[in-house]
């Protein structure tokens, strides 16, 4: 058995012990197995981290984007070299299968390479001027110091989405990761430091959410980027926006997938089991509601039920396992309670996979229900999906839009007219056609509508990331009149 890791915080270029209570992260397969132990950061360490970021940011800015891009490229190379050890740690600490962990690490390497490449892209726009001796152009300037708060479900990928562009555009950061995956945060920070991020530019604090609340209140922060729950996101918004700082929020989801009668039921079911159950359903983009239109219902339910029953659940290190445990016993209990509540409210269990006893395992579950069920409008972060009926596409779209969320949506059909209607009318920031709700491309903007997001520039894509992590100035560059040198 692996020994527990002893973790420290990274502040002002030094690895330092915390000054708060002892905390741990544990293996979700066996919560008695401690993965990492550390003393949490308190207000004094937060003060030091913010001061260090403020002091280090101007020199980091002066290095220029190309030099900063080279640091990100080196980080990508280091992460690629350590891919197997980081993936193994991810499976051990977060619980996802080893195949999913390897996929996340590979995507994180790609993210770092993508933003490293953006360093050589144009950083402004030229405009014509009414004066022939003048050039008008935009100039990007870093925000300054950015607070970065990341979740546990993608413990390397989401930090890469946020940290890479924040650093590329000349910002210093204070990063507070989720408490369930602190060892992975330290592993990623070690790579960034070894790649050449200067002292004070990256500061990592391991602490409970209460320290994150203190972090976002700091007036030295010119921006905060957060992925997590709606209540916490709205609290951050209330703290940050009034002082004129920028905020980027990627919050919850209750995504729907619509299956029309002309869709191939086997192909749709395969995609939807991936969309709802992969990652043990711990994705904001997961398909929580599957809306079968008209005659599609019976054939789709048969295909979905067979596939859900056949899912292999177990430890992520076991060959052949498709679904690992949830991140914690607490999370598993919440999902089980939500499933039982749905049954008590009238839902029917269509299918459940076999699942190991103990640990943070929850059997993947397919329900049949109605829009009135609590589970049909409140996010349940686990491997459970509810099948709903709709008489036609108009009703299906109304059902899909019938929650406060609007992150992703999917539609399965070969009817181009139906696709256009869905693209126009679905309340979702991302719409997939004949594909799982989950998954995204690093060069495309990622974000939702309604309570799933905040109307700010979105994550991932180079242009949208630059819009968030910089201020833009407009410069009027006019040459002076020629001087008579006679």
Protein backbone atom coordinates (compact mmCIF):
# COMPACT_ATOMS: atom_id res chain seq x y z
CA UNK A 1 0.00 0.00 0.00
CA UNK A 2 1.24 3.49 -0.86
CA UNK A 3 2.22 5.70 2.05
CA UNK A 4 0.28 8.91 2.68
CA UNK A 5 1.81 11.96 1.06
CA UNK A 6 2.78 14.88 3.29
CA UNK A 7 1.79 18.08 1.52
CA UNK A 8 2.76 21.72 1.86
CA UNK A 9 1.59 25.01 0.37
CA UNK A 10 3.53 26.97 -2.25
CA UNK A 11 3.82 30.64 -1.38
CA UNK A 12 6.30 33.27 -2.56
CA UNK A 13 8.48 30.65 -4.23
CA UNK A 14 8.73 28.35 -1.19
CA UNK A 15 7.03 25.16 -0.06
CA UNK A 16 5.79 25.95 3.43
CA UNK A 17 3.72 24.15 6.08
CA UNK A 18 0.24 25.32 6.90
CA UNK A 19 -0.79 27.08 10.09
CA UNK A 20 -4.26 25.54 10.48
CA UNK A 21 -5.80 22.21 11.48
CA UNK A 22 -4.65 18.91 9.99
CA UNK A 23 -6.69 17.72 7.00
CA UNK A 24 -6.58 14.68 4.72
CA UNK A 25 -7.62 13.42 1.34
CA UNK A 26 -8.65 9.76 1.18
CA UNK A 27 -9.04 6.98 -1.35
CA UNK A 28 -12.75 6.78 -2.29
CA UNK A 29 -12.45 3.02 -2.83
CA UNK A 30 -11.31 2.64 0.78
CA UNK A 31 -11.85 5.79 2.87
CA UNK A 32 -9.66 4.30 5.61
CA UNK A 33 -6.71 4.71 3.25
CA UNK A 34 -5.24 8.21 3.56
CA UNK A 35 -3.81 9.54 0.30
CA UNK A 36 -2.42 12.84 1.58
CA UNK A 37 -2.17 14.77 4.83
CA UNK A 38 -1.42 18.44 5.44
CA UNK A 39 -2.03 21.37 7.73
CA UNK A 40 -4.47 23.79 6.17
CA UNK A 41 -3.64 27.35 5.25
CA UNK A 42 -5.03 30.15 7.39
CA UNK A 43 -5.40 33.93 7.05
CA UNK A 44 -1.70 34.66 7.64
CA UNK A 45 -0.61 32.40 4.80
CA UNK A 46 -3.31 33.93 2.59
CA UNK A 47 -1.92 37.38 3.35
CA UNK A 48 1.57 36.23 2.40
CA UNK A 49 0.34 34.65 -0.84
CA UNK A 50 -1.52 37.78 -1.95
CA UNK A 51 1.42 40.03 -1.10
CA UNK A 52 3.78 37.75 -3.03
CA UNK A 53 1.52 37.76 -6.08
CA UNK A 54 1.21 41.55 -6.06
CA UNK A 55 4.99 41.96 -5.79
CA UNK A 56 5.86 39.39 -8.48
CA UNK A 57 3.30 40.28 -11.14
CA UNK A 58 4.95 43.36 -12.73
CA UNK A 59 8.20 41.55 -13.58
CA UNK A 60 6.26 38.55 -14.92
CA UNK A 61 4.34 40.97 -17.15
CA UNK A 62 7.58 42.49 -18.44
CA UNK A 63 8.86 39.10 -19.64
CA UNK A 64 6.34 39.15 -22.51
CA UNK A 65 3.97 36.57 -23.87
CA UNK A 66 6.53 34.61 -25.89
CA UNK A 67 8.74 34.00 -22.85
CA UNK A 68 5.69 33.04 -20.80
CA UNK A 69 4.52 30.72 -23.56
CA UNK A 70 7.85 28.90 -23.43
CA UNK A 71 7.25 28.24 -19.72
CA UNK A 72 3.86 26.73 -20.53
CA UNK A 73 5.38 24.60 -23.27
CA UNK A 74 7.94 23.25 -20.81
CA UNK A 75 5.12 22.52 -18.36
CA UNK A 76 3.31 20.55 -21.05
CA UNK A 77 6.45 18.51 -21.71
CA UNK A 78 6.94 17.78 -18.01
CA UNK A 79 3.31 16.75 -17.54
CA UNK A 80 3.57 14.45 -20.56
CA UNK A 81 6.69 12.85 -19.07
CA UNK A 82 4.88 12.26 -15.76
CA UNK A 83 1.54 11.33 -17.30
CA UNK A 84 1.39 7.81 -15.90
CA UNK A 85 2.27 8.77 -12.33
CA UNK A 86 -0.17 11.70 -12.33
CA UNK A 87 -2.93 9.49 -13.77
CA UNK A 88 -2.28 6.84 -11.13
CA UNK A 89 -2.50 9.51 -8.40
CA UNK A 90 -5.74 10.80 -9.92
CA UNK A 91 -7.34 7.37 -9.79
CA UNK A 92 -6.13 6.91 -6.23
CA UNK A 93 -7.28 10.29 -4.91
CA UNK A 94 -10.30 11.19 -7.08
CA UNK A 95 -11.53 7.69 -7.98
CA UNK A 96 -12.03 7.83 -11.75
CA UNK A 97 -10.91 4.87 -13.80
CA UNK A 98 -7.31 4.75 -14.91
CA UNK A 99 -8.40 5.14 -18.54
CA UNK A 100 -10.34 8.31 -17.66
CA UNK A 101 -7.40 9.63 -15.63
CA UNK A 102 -5.02 9.06 -18.53
CA UNK A 103 -7.44 10.84 -20.82
CA UNK A 104 -7.65 13.84 -18.50
CA UNK A 105 -3.88 14.13 -18.21
CA UNK A 106 -3.51 13.94 -22.00
CA UNK A 107 -6.14 16.67 -22.42
CA UNK A 108 -4.31 18.82 -19.86
CA UNK A 109 -1.06 18.44 -21.79
CA UNK A 110 -2.91 19.55 -24.93
CA UNK A 111 -4.36 22.55 -23.06
CA UNK A 112 -0.91 23.69 -21.97
CA UNK A 113 0.45 23.29 -25.50
CA UNK A 114 -2.52 25.19 -26.94
CA UNK A 115 -2.04 28.22 -24.71
CA UNK A 116 1.73 28.07 -25.18
CA UNK A 117 1.07 28.34 -28.92
CA UNK A 118 -1.25 31.29 -28.37
CA UNK A 119 1.78 33.26 -27.15
CA UNK A 120 2.74 33.98 -30.76
CA UNK A 121 -0.74 35.03 -31.89
CA UNK A 122 -1.71 38.64 -32.53
CA UNK A 123 -2.43 40.42 -29.25
CA UNK A 124 -4.34 43.35 -30.69
CA UNK A 125 -6.48 44.64 -33.54
CA UNK A 126 -5.65 47.42 -36.01
CA UNK A 127 -8.30 49.97 -36.99
CA UNK A 128 -8.22 52.65 -39.68
CA UNK A 129 -7.90 56.25 -38.63
CA UNK A 130 -9.25 59.44 -40.14
CA UNK A 131 -5.71 60.81 -39.91
CA UNK A 132 -3.32 59.30 -42.48
CA UNK A 133 -0.41 59.71 -40.05
CA UNK A 134 -2.13 57.70 -37.31
CA UNK A 135 -2.60 54.02 -36.46
CA UNK A 136 -5.31 52.88 -34.06
CA UNK A 137 -4.79 49.55 -32.31
CA UNK A 138 -5.83 47.69 -29.20
CA UNK A 139 -3.32 46.65 -26.54
CA UNK A 140 -3.89 43.81 -24.05
CA UNK A 141 -2.77 44.28 -20.45
CA UNK A 142 -2.98 41.71 -17.65
CA UNK A 143 -5.56 42.05 -14.91
CA UNK A 144 -2.85 41.80 -12.24
CA UNK A 145 -3.60 39.23 -9.55
CA UNK A 146 -6.23 36.56 -10.17
CA UNK A 147 -7.88 34.23 -7.67
CA UNK A 148 -8.36 30.71 -9.06
CA UNK A 149 -10.75 28.29 -7.31
CA UNK A 150 -11.08 24.83 -8.86
CA UNK A 151 -13.22 21.73 -8.24
CA UNK A 152 -12.34 18.08 -7.67
CA UNK A 153 -14.11 16.42 -10.63
CA UNK A 154 -11.43 17.42 -13.17
CA UNK A 155 -8.55 18.07 -10.77
CA UNK A 156 -5.88 18.75 -13.41
CA UNK A 157 -7.85 19.68 -16.54
CA UNK A 158 -9.87 22.54 -15.05
CA UNK A 159 -6.81 24.07 -13.33
CA UNK A 160 -5.03 23.86 -16.71
CA UNK A 161 -7.97 25.65 -18.38
CA UNK A 162 -7.65 28.51 -15.90
CA UNK A 163 -3.99 28.72 -14.91
CA UNK A 164 -2.48 28.43 -18.39
CA UNK A 165 -4.19 31.53 -19.89
CA UNK A 166 -3.96 33.44 -16.62
CA UNK A 167 -0.19 32.98 -16.60
CA UNK A 168 0.22 33.45 -20.36
CA UNK A 169 -1.33 36.90 -20.23
CA UNK A 170 0.97 38.09 -17.45
CA UNK A 171 -1.11 37.63 -14.34
CA UNK A 172 0.01 36.31 -10.97
CA UNK A 173 -2.35 33.84 -9.32
CA UNK A 174 -3.46 32.63 -5.93
CA UNK A 175 -4.93 29.16 -6.41
CA UNK A 176 -7.19 27.32 -3.97
CA UNK A 177 -8.07 23.82 -5.21
CA UNK A 178 -10.80 21.55 -3.86
CA UNK A 179 -9.96 19.79 -0.62
CA UNK A 180 -10.73 16.31 -1.99
CA UNK A 181 -7.90 16.44 -4.56
CA UNK A 182 -5.09 18.39 -2.93
CA UNK A 183 -2.32 15.91 -3.85
CA UNK A 184 -3.09 16.40 -7.54
CA UNK A 185 -2.99 20.18 -7.11
CA UNK A 186 0.46 19.92 -5.55
CA UNK A 187 1.64 17.63 -8.36
CA UNK A 188 0.48 20.12 -10.98
CA UNK A 189 1.96 23.09 -9.12
CA UNK A 190 5.31 21.28 -8.89
CA UNK A 191 5.31 20.92 -12.68
CA UNK A 192 4.55 24.61 -13.26
CA UNK A 193 7.28 25.66 -10.84
CA UNK A 194 9.84 23.32 -12.40
CA UNK A 195 8.86 24.66 -15.83
CA UNK A 196 9.99 28.12 -14.78
CA UNK A 197 7.09 30.06 -13.28
CA UNK A 198 8.91 32.67 -11.16
CA UNK A 199 8.68 33.03 -7.40
CA UNK A 200 5.45 34.67 -6.28
CA UNK A 201 3.67 34.33 -9.62
CA UNK A 202 2.00 31.04 -8.63
CA UNK A 203 0.75 30.60 -5.07
CA UNK A 204 -1.06 27.43 -3.95
CA UNK A 205 -3.13 27.28 -0.76
CA UNK A 206 -4.66 24.04 0.51
CA UNK A 207 -7.63 24.95 2.64
CA UNK A 208 -11.38 24.56 3.14
CA UNK A 209 -13.93 26.65 1.29
CA UNK A 210 -13.94 29.27 4.03
CA UNK A 211 -10.48 30.42 2.95
CA UNK A 212 -11.73 30.68 -0.62
CA UNK A 213 -14.40 33.05 0.65
CA UNK A 214 -11.69 35.17 2.29
CA UNK A 215 -9.59 35.07 -0.88
CA UNK A 216 -12.28 36.50 -3.16
CA UNK A 217 -12.86 39.37 -0.73
CA UNK A 218 -9.29 40.59 -1.14
CA UNK A 219 -9.25 43.97 -2.92
CA UNK A 220 -5.85 43.17 -4.46
CA UNK A 221 -7.56 40.65 -6.76
CA UNK A 222 -8.57 42.10 -10.11
CA UNK A 223 -10.27 38.88 -11.20
CA UNK A 224 -11.65 35.60 -9.88
CA UNK A 225 -12.28 32.46 -11.91
CA UNK A 226 -14.35 29.74 -10.25
CA UNK A 227 -15.88 26.40 -11.19
CA UNK A 228 -18.27 24.85 -8.68
CA UNK A 229 -21.75 25.08 -7.24
CA UNK A 230 -24.34 27.76 -7.95
CA UNK A 231 -24.66 29.03 -4.33
CA UNK A 232 -20.90 29.47 -3.94
CA UNK A 233 -20.65 31.04 -7.39
CA UNK A 234 -23.35 33.59 -6.62
CA UNK A 235 -21.64 34.44 -3.32
CA UNK A 236 -18.40 35.06 -5.22
CA UNK A 237 -20.26 37.21 -7.74
CA UNK A 238 -21.72 39.31 -4.93
CA UNK A 239 -18.28 39.80 -3.40
CA UNK A 240 -16.31 40.56 -6.56
CA UNK A 241 -18.55 42.48 -8.97
CA UNK A 242 -19.33 45.52 -6.75
CA UNK A 243 -15.66 46.44 -6.50
CA UNK A 244 -15.25 46.39 -10.29
CA UNK A 245 -13.15 43.22 -10.54
CA UNK A 246 -13.81 40.58 -13.18
CA UNK A 247 -15.49 37.28 -12.37
CA UNK A 248 -15.75 34.09 -14.44
CA UNK A 249 -18.19 31.47 -13.14
CA UNK A 250 -18.78 27.98 -14.49
CA UNK A 251 -21.48 26.51 -12.28
CA UNK A 252 -23.90 23.58 -12.24
CA UNK A 253 -25.86 21.84 -14.93
CA UNK A 254 -28.95 19.73 -15.47
CA UNK A 255 -28.41 18.91 -19.09
CA UNK A 256 -31.01 17.31 -21.30
CA UNK A 257 -30.75 15.10 -24.38
CA UNK A 258 -33.61 14.84 -26.86
CA UNK A 259 -34.04 11.67 -28.93
CA UNK A 260 -36.36 11.89 -31.93
CA UNK A 261 -38.08 8.87 -33.52
CA UNK A 262 -35.79 8.83 -36.56
CA UNK A 263 -32.65 8.41 -34.43
CA UNK A 264 -30.89 5.05 -34.27
CA UNK A 265 -31.81 3.87 -30.74
CA UNK A 266 -28.66 1.78 -30.25
CA UNK A 267 -26.35 4.60 -31.28
CA UNK A 268 -28.25 7.15 -29.21
CA UNK A 269 -28.24 4.87 -26.16
CA UNK A 270 -24.50 4.26 -26.42
CA UNK A 271 -23.82 7.99 -26.53
CA UNK A 272 -26.24 8.75 -23.70
CA UNK A 273 -24.85 6.14 -21.33
CA UNK A 274 -21.47 7.77 -21.88
CA UNK A 275 -23.02 11.21 -21.37
CA UNK A 276 -24.77 10.29 -18.12
CA UNK A 277 -22.54 7.66 -16.48
CA UNK A 278 -18.92 8.26 -17.53
CA UNK A 279 -16.80 9.85 -14.85
CA UNK A 280 -19.32 8.29 -12.45
CA UNK A 281 -21.71 11.03 -13.53
CA UNK A 282 -19.59 13.66 -11.79
CA UNK A 283 -19.65 16.15 -14.65
CA UNK A 284 -21.61 19.39 -14.88
CA UNK A 285 -22.20 18.54 -18.55
CA UNK A 286 -23.64 15.08 -17.83
CA UNK A 287 -27.01 14.17 -19.37
CA UNK A 288 -29.34 14.16 -16.34
CA UNK A 289 -32.57 14.01 -18.37
CA UNK A 290 -33.15 11.91 -21.49
CA UNK A 291 -36.26 13.06 -23.35
CA UNK A 292 -37.69 10.50 -25.76
CA UNK A 293 -40.06 11.93 -28.35
CA UNK A 294 -43.11 9.94 -29.46
CA UNK A 295 -42.35 6.44 -30.75
CA UNK A 296 -38.67 6.72 -29.74
CA UNK A 297 -39.46 5.93 -26.08
CA UNK A 298 -39.83 2.13 -25.93
CA UNK A 299 -36.92 1.27 -28.21
CA UNK A 300 -34.64 3.79 -26.50
CA UNK A 301 -35.53 2.59 -23.00
CA UNK A 302 -34.77 -1.01 -23.96
CA UNK A 303 -31.35 -0.05 -25.31
CA UNK A 304 -30.52 2.22 -22.37
CA UNK A 305 -31.59 -0.36 -19.80
CA UNK A 306 -29.45 -3.09 -21.31
CA UNK A 307 -26.39 -0.86 -21.43
CA UNK A 308 -26.80 0.49 -17.88
CA UNK A 309 -27.26 -3.03 -16.45
CA UNK A 310 -24.10 -4.14 -18.23
CA UNK A 311 -21.82 -1.42 -16.83
CA UNK A 312 -18.86 -2.75 -14.87
CA UNK A 313 -18.40 -0.91 -11.57
CA UNK A 314 -15.36 -1.19 -9.33
CA UNK A 315 -11.99 0.28 -8.37
CA UNK A 316 -10.55 2.42 -11.14
CA UNK A 317 -7.33 0.39 -11.17
CA UNK A 318 -9.11 -2.87 -12.02
CA UNK A 319 -8.91 -3.81 -15.72
CA UNK A 320 -12.28 -3.74 -17.45
CA UNK A 321 -13.94 -1.42 -14.92
CA UNK A 322 -15.98 1.32 -16.62
CA UNK A 323 -17.39 3.19 -13.60
CA UNK A 324 -15.38 4.00 -10.50
CA UNK A 325 -16.50 5.26 -7.09
CA UNK A 326 -17.72 8.76 -6.36
CA UNK A 327 -15.18 11.13 -4.91
CA UNK A 328 -16.24 10.55 -1.30
CA UNK A 329 -18.57 8.60 0.95
CA UNK A 330 -20.44 11.85 1.59
CA UNK A 331 -21.04 12.35 -2.12
CA UNK A 332 -22.20 8.76 -2.51
CA UNK A 333 -24.69 9.13 0.32
CA UNK A 334 -26.14 12.28 -1.27
CA UNK A 335 -26.67 10.50 -4.59
CA UNK A 336 -28.26 7.46 -2.97
CA UNK A 337 -30.60 9.74 -1.03
CA UNK A 338 -31.61 11.54 -4.23
CA UNK A 339 -32.38 8.25 -5.99
CA UNK A 340 -34.49 7.09 -3.06
CA UNK A 341 -36.32 10.43 -2.98
CA UNK A 342 -37.12 10.07 -6.67
CA UNK A 343 -38.56 6.60 -6.11
CA UNK A 344 -40.58 7.89 -3.15
CA UNK A 345 -41.96 10.63 -5.44
CA UNK A 346 -43.06 8.09 -8.03
CA UNK A 347 -40.07 7.36 -10.27
CA UNK A 348 -39.59 3.85 -11.61
CA UNK A 349 -36.19 2.16 -11.58
CA UNK A 350 -35.66 0.91 -15.12
CA UNK A 351 -32.16 -0.46 -14.63
CA UNK A 352 -29.31 -0.61 -12.12
CA UNK A 353 -25.82 -1.99 -12.59
CA UNK A 354 -24.19 -4.29 -10.08
CA UNK A 355 -21.97 -2.38 -7.68
CA UNK A 356 -19.43 -3.35 -4.99
CA UNK A 357 -20.30 -2.98 -1.34
CA UNK A 358 -18.49 -0.37 0.73
CA UNK A 359 -16.40 2.55 -0.38
CA UNK A 360 -18.02 5.43 -2.24
CA UNK A 361 -19.68 3.25 -4.87
CA UNK A 362 -23.15 3.97 -6.24
CA UNK A 363 -24.80 1.68 -8.74
CA UNK A 364 -25.43 3.47 -12.06
CA UNK A 365 -29.20 3.94 -12.19
CA UNK A 366 -31.72 4.65 -14.94
CA UNK A 367 -35.09 6.04 -13.86
CA UNK A 368 -38.38 6.71 -15.62
CA UNK A 369 -40.16 9.76 -14.31
CA UNK A 370 -41.88 13.06 -14.88
CA UNK A 371 -40.77 16.72 -14.88
CA UNK A 372 -42.31 17.20 -11.43
CA UNK A 373 -39.75 14.96 -9.72
CA UNK A 374 -37.12 16.78 -7.66
CA UNK A 375 -34.43 14.85 -9.53
CA UNK A 376 -35.79 16.25 -12.80
CA UNK A 377 -34.79 19.80 -11.94
CA UNK A 378 -32.21 19.66 -9.11
CA UNK A 379 -28.67 18.57 -10.01
CA UNK A 380 -27.60 15.16 -8.67
CA UNK A 381 -23.86 14.74 -9.14
CA UNK A 382 -23.64 11.01 -9.78
CA UNK A 383 -24.39 8.13 -12.17
CA UNK A 384 -28.14 8.56 -12.48
CA UNK A 385 -30.34 9.67 -15.39
CA UNK A 386 -34.11 10.06 -15.76
CA UNK A 387 -36.03 9.24 -18.92
CA UNK A 388 -38.95 11.54 -19.73
CA UNK A 389 -41.62 11.34 -22.46
CA UNK A 390 -42.52 14.10 -24.91
CA UNK A 391 -45.25 14.04 -27.53
CA UNK A 392 -43.32 16.14 -30.05
CA UNK A 393 -40.21 18.27 -30.44
CA UNK A 394 -41.87 21.43 -29.16
CA UNK A 395 -42.74 19.71 -25.89
CA UNK A 396 -39.27 18.16 -25.69
CA UNK A 397 -37.65 21.58 -25.95
CA UNK A 398 -39.96 22.96 -23.27
CA UNK A 399 -38.97 20.08 -20.99
CA UNK A 400 -35.28 20.54 -21.77
CA UNK A 401 -35.52 24.24 -20.91
CA UNK A 402 -37.53 23.57 -17.76
CA UNK A 403 -34.72 24.01 -15.24
CA UNK A 404 -32.70 27.00 -14.03
CA UNK A 405 -29.62 25.52 -15.69
CA UNK A 406 -28.41 25.87 -19.27
CA UNK A 407 -25.00 24.28 -19.73
CA UNK A 408 -25.24 21.61 -22.44
CA UNK A 409 -27.94 19.94 -24.51
CA UNK A 410 -27.97 17.20 -27.12
CA UNK A 411 -30.35 16.15 -29.86
CA UNK A 412 -30.33 12.84 -31.75
CA UNK A 413 -31.87 13.05 -35.20
CA UNK A 414 -31.05 13.28 -38.91
CA UNK A 415 -33.80 15.87 -39.47
CA UNK A 416 -32.01 19.11 -40.38
CA UNK A 417 -35.12 21.18 -39.65
CA UNK A 418 -35.29 19.74 -36.13
CA UNK A 419 -31.58 20.40 -35.59
CA UNK A 420 -32.02 24.06 -36.57
CA UNK A 421 -34.97 24.42 -34.20
CA UNK A 422 -32.92 22.96 -31.35
CA UNK A 423 -29.96 25.22 -32.05
CA UNK A 424 -32.31 28.21 -32.00
CA UNK A 425 -34.55 27.34 -29.06
CA UNK A 426 -32.59 25.22 -26.55
CA UNK A 427 -31.37 27.19 -23.53
CA UNK A 428 -27.82 25.82 -23.50
CA UNK A 429 -24.40 27.28 -24.06
CA UNK A 430 -23.26 24.09 -25.81
CA UNK A 431 -25.49 22.02 -28.11
CA UNK A 432 -24.37 18.62 -29.42
CA UNK A 433 -25.98 16.84 -32.37
CA UNK A 434 -25.83 13.03 -32.42
CA UNK A 435 -23.11 13.10 -29.76
CA UNK A 436 -22.82 12.92 -25.95
CA UNK A 437 -23.53 16.09 -23.94
CA UNK A 438 -20.08 15.71 -22.40
CA UNK A 439 -16.72 16.55 -23.95
CA UNK A 440 -15.39 19.75 -25.48
CA UNK A 441 -12.57 21.06 -27.63
CA UNK A 442 -9.90 23.24 -26.09
CA UNK A 443 -10.02 25.75 -28.96
CA UNK A 444 -13.79 26.29 -28.63
CA UNK A 445 -15.47 28.45 -25.95
CA UNK A 446 -16.93 26.50 -23.02
CA UNK A 447 -19.76 27.86 -20.90
CA UNK A 448 -23.47 27.87 -20.24
CA UNK A 449 -26.56 30.05 -19.94
CA UNK A 450 -28.91 30.90 -17.06
CA UNK A 451 -27.66 29.62 -13.68
CA UNK A 452 -24.94 27.51 -15.28
CA UNK A 453 -22.66 30.45 -15.86
CA UNK A 454 -22.08 34.18 -15.57
CA UNK A 455 -22.19 36.47 -18.61
CA UNK A 456 -18.42 36.82 -18.83
CA UNK A 457 -15.88 35.56 -21.39
CA UNK A 458 -15.89 31.77 -21.33
CA UNK A 459 -13.21 29.19 -20.59
CA UNK A 460 -10.76 27.29 -22.80
CA UNK A 461 -10.77 29.08 -26.15
CA UNK A 462 -7.81 31.37 -26.72
CA UNK A 463 -9.81 34.44 -27.70
CA UNK A 464 -12.35 34.12 -24.90
CA UNK A 465 -9.67 33.36 -22.30
CA UNK A 466 -7.73 36.43 -23.38
CA UNK A 467 -10.89 38.53 -23.06
CA UNK A 468 -11.25 37.47 -19.44
CA UNK A 469 -7.64 37.56 -18.26
CA UNK A 470 -6.78 40.95 -19.76
CA UNK A 471 -7.97 44.53 -19.94
CA UNK A 472 -7.97 46.11 -23.38
CA UNK A 473 -6.67 49.59 -24.13
CA UNK A 474 -7.11 51.48 -27.38
CA UNK A 475 -3.97 53.28 -28.55
CA UNK A 476 -3.89 56.12 -31.11
CA UNK A 477 -0.36 56.21 -32.53
CA UNK A 478 0.26 59.37 -34.55
CA UNK A 479 3.57 60.45 -36.00
CA UNK A 480 4.63 63.99 -35.39
CA UNK A 481 4.85 66.48 -38.25
CA UNK A 482 8.16 66.48 -40.16
CA UNK A 483 10.63 69.00 -38.77
CA UNK A 484 12.58 71.38 -40.92
CA UNK A 485 16.23 70.38 -40.40
CA UNK A 486 17.69 73.00 -42.70
